[in-house]
Amino acid sequence: MPKQHDSKHEELDFIPPRAAVTGLNPNRGPARLHHSTFEYLRPSEEQMKVMSLLRTAARQYSDLLEEFLPDGPDKTFILRAHRANAMWANVAVTRQADGTPRP
């Protein structure tokens, strides 16, 4: 009997063959995103305060990177990665590790 899938988007539940063969993450099934991952999650007042502090710190660090790093592809990469990290910090403030919203 063929395996039944509970996801209408099977391609998102794909396990690369290498991981299946080598036993990587043997106790875990396919990664799944929390159902609210792409929905707007309004931060609480306390979370907005923390996010504001983190944005200020990220801006200050960005200013230092801009000032002290020589122009070039490495600087561009570092600034873009820093921007991505700053955005992910906001996600970390509002969500648990499994993707569920923080209270």
Protein backbone atom coordinates (compact mmCIF):
# COMPACT_ATOMS: atom_id res chain seq x y z
CA MET A 1 0.00 0.00 0.00
CA PRO A 2 1.45 3.43 -0.93
CA LYS A 3 2.41 5.77 1.87
CA GLN A 4 -0.22 8.41 2.62
CA HIS A 5 1.00 12.01 2.86
CA ASP A 6 -0.73 14.49 5.15
CA SER A 7 0.75 17.43 3.26
CA LYS A 8 -0.70 18.78 0.05
CA HIS A 9 2.80 20.07 -0.76
CA GLU A 10 4.84 16.88 -0.77
CA GLU A 11 7.86 18.59 -2.31
CA LEU A 12 8.28 20.60 0.92
CA ASP A 13 8.53 17.36 2.89
CA PHE A 14 11.29 15.89 0.73
CA ILE A 15 14.15 14.13 2.52
CA PRO A 16 17.33 14.19 0.44
CA PRO A 17 18.46 10.63 -0.37
CA ARG A 18 21.92 11.26 1.13
CA ALA A 19 20.38 12.05 4.52
CA ALA A 20 18.20 8.96 4.35
CA VAL A 21 21.09 6.70 3.34
CA THR A 22 23.72 8.05 5.74
CA GLY A 23 21.34 8.20 8.69
CA LEU A 24 21.61 11.95 9.27
CA ASN A 25 18.96 12.99 11.77
CA PRO A 26 17.77 9.40 12.22
CA ASN A 27 15.18 10.36 14.84
CA ARG A 28 13.59 13.14 12.82
CA GLY A 29 11.16 13.09 9.99
CA PRO A 30 11.00 15.71 7.28
CA ALA A 31 11.29 19.33 8.39
CA ARG A 32 7.93 21.05 8.61
CA LEU A 33 7.16 24.72 8.98
CA HIS A 34 4.64 25.87 11.58
CA HIS A 35 1.28 26.63 9.98
CA SER A 36 1.60 30.31 10.96
CA THR A 37 5.10 30.76 9.49
CA PHE A 38 3.95 33.01 6.65
CA GLU A 39 1.24 34.82 8.57
CA TYR A 40 1.65 38.21 10.19
CA LEU A 41 2.53 37.87 13.86
CA ARG A 42 1.97 41.08 15.77
CA PRO A 43 4.64 41.40 18.49
CA SER A 44 3.58 42.15 22.04
CA GLU A 45 4.55 45.50 23.56
CA GLU A 46 7.43 43.86 25.43
CA GLN A 47 8.63 42.11 22.26
CA MET A 48 8.51 45.41 20.36
CA LYS A 49 10.75 47.00 23.02
CA VAL A 50 13.28 44.16 22.72
CA MET A 51 13.15 44.32 18.91
CA SER A 52 13.80 48.07 19.04
CA LEU A 53 16.86 47.54 21.26
CA LEU A 54 18.16 44.84 18.92
CA ARG A 55 17.62 47.06 15.85
CA THR A 56 19.56 49.87 17.52
CA ALA A 57 22.43 47.52 18.33
CA ALA A 58 22.37 46.10 14.79
CA ARG A 59 22.48 49.62 13.32
CA GLN A 60 25.45 50.55 15.53
CA TYR A 61 27.33 47.41 14.50
CA SER A 62 26.46 48.04 10.85
CA ASP A 63 27.88 51.55 11.13
CA LEU A 64 31.15 50.11 12.46
CA LEU A 65 31.28 47.56 9.66
CA GLU A 66 30.70 50.31 7.10
CA GLU A 67 33.44 52.46 8.63
CA PHE A 68 36.19 49.91 9.17
CA LEU A 69 35.82 47.27 6.46
CA PRO A 70 37.41 47.92 3.07
CA ASP A 71 34.99 48.14 0.16
CA GLY A 72 34.67 44.96 -1.85
CA PRO A 73 32.73 41.73 -2.13
CA ASP A 74 33.57 40.60 1.41
CA LYS A 75 32.17 43.80 2.89
CA THR A 76 29.04 43.45 0.76
CA PHE A 77 28.57 39.87 1.92
CA ILE A 78 29.11 40.77 5.57
CA LEU A 79 26.64 43.66 5.45
CA ARG A 80 23.99 41.53 3.75
CA ALA A 81 24.51 38.66 6.18
CA HIS A 82 24.31 41.09 9.09
CA ARG A 83 21.02 42.46 7.72
CA ALA A 84 19.65 38.92 7.46
CA ASN A 85 20.78 38.13 11.02
CA ALA A 86 19.07 41.28 12.30
CA MET A 87 15.83 40.18 10.64
CA TRP A 88 16.13 36.67 12.07
CA ALA A 89 16.64 38.18 15.52
CA ASN A 90 13.14 39.65 15.23
CA VAL A 91 11.78 36.21 14.38
CA ALA A 92 13.58 34.73 17.39
CA VAL A 93 11.97 37.32 19.66
CA THR A 94 8.46 36.43 18.48
CA ARG A 95 8.63 32.66 17.92
CA GLN A 96 9.62 29.52 19.82
CA ALA A 97 12.26 27.19 18.36
CA ASP A 98 9.55 25.02 16.77
CA GLY A 99 7.96 28.04 15.06
CA THR A 100 5.03 28.49 17.40
CA PRO A 101 4.35 32.10 18.43
CA ARG A 102 5.81 33.20 21.76
CA PRO A 103 3.32 34.43 24.32
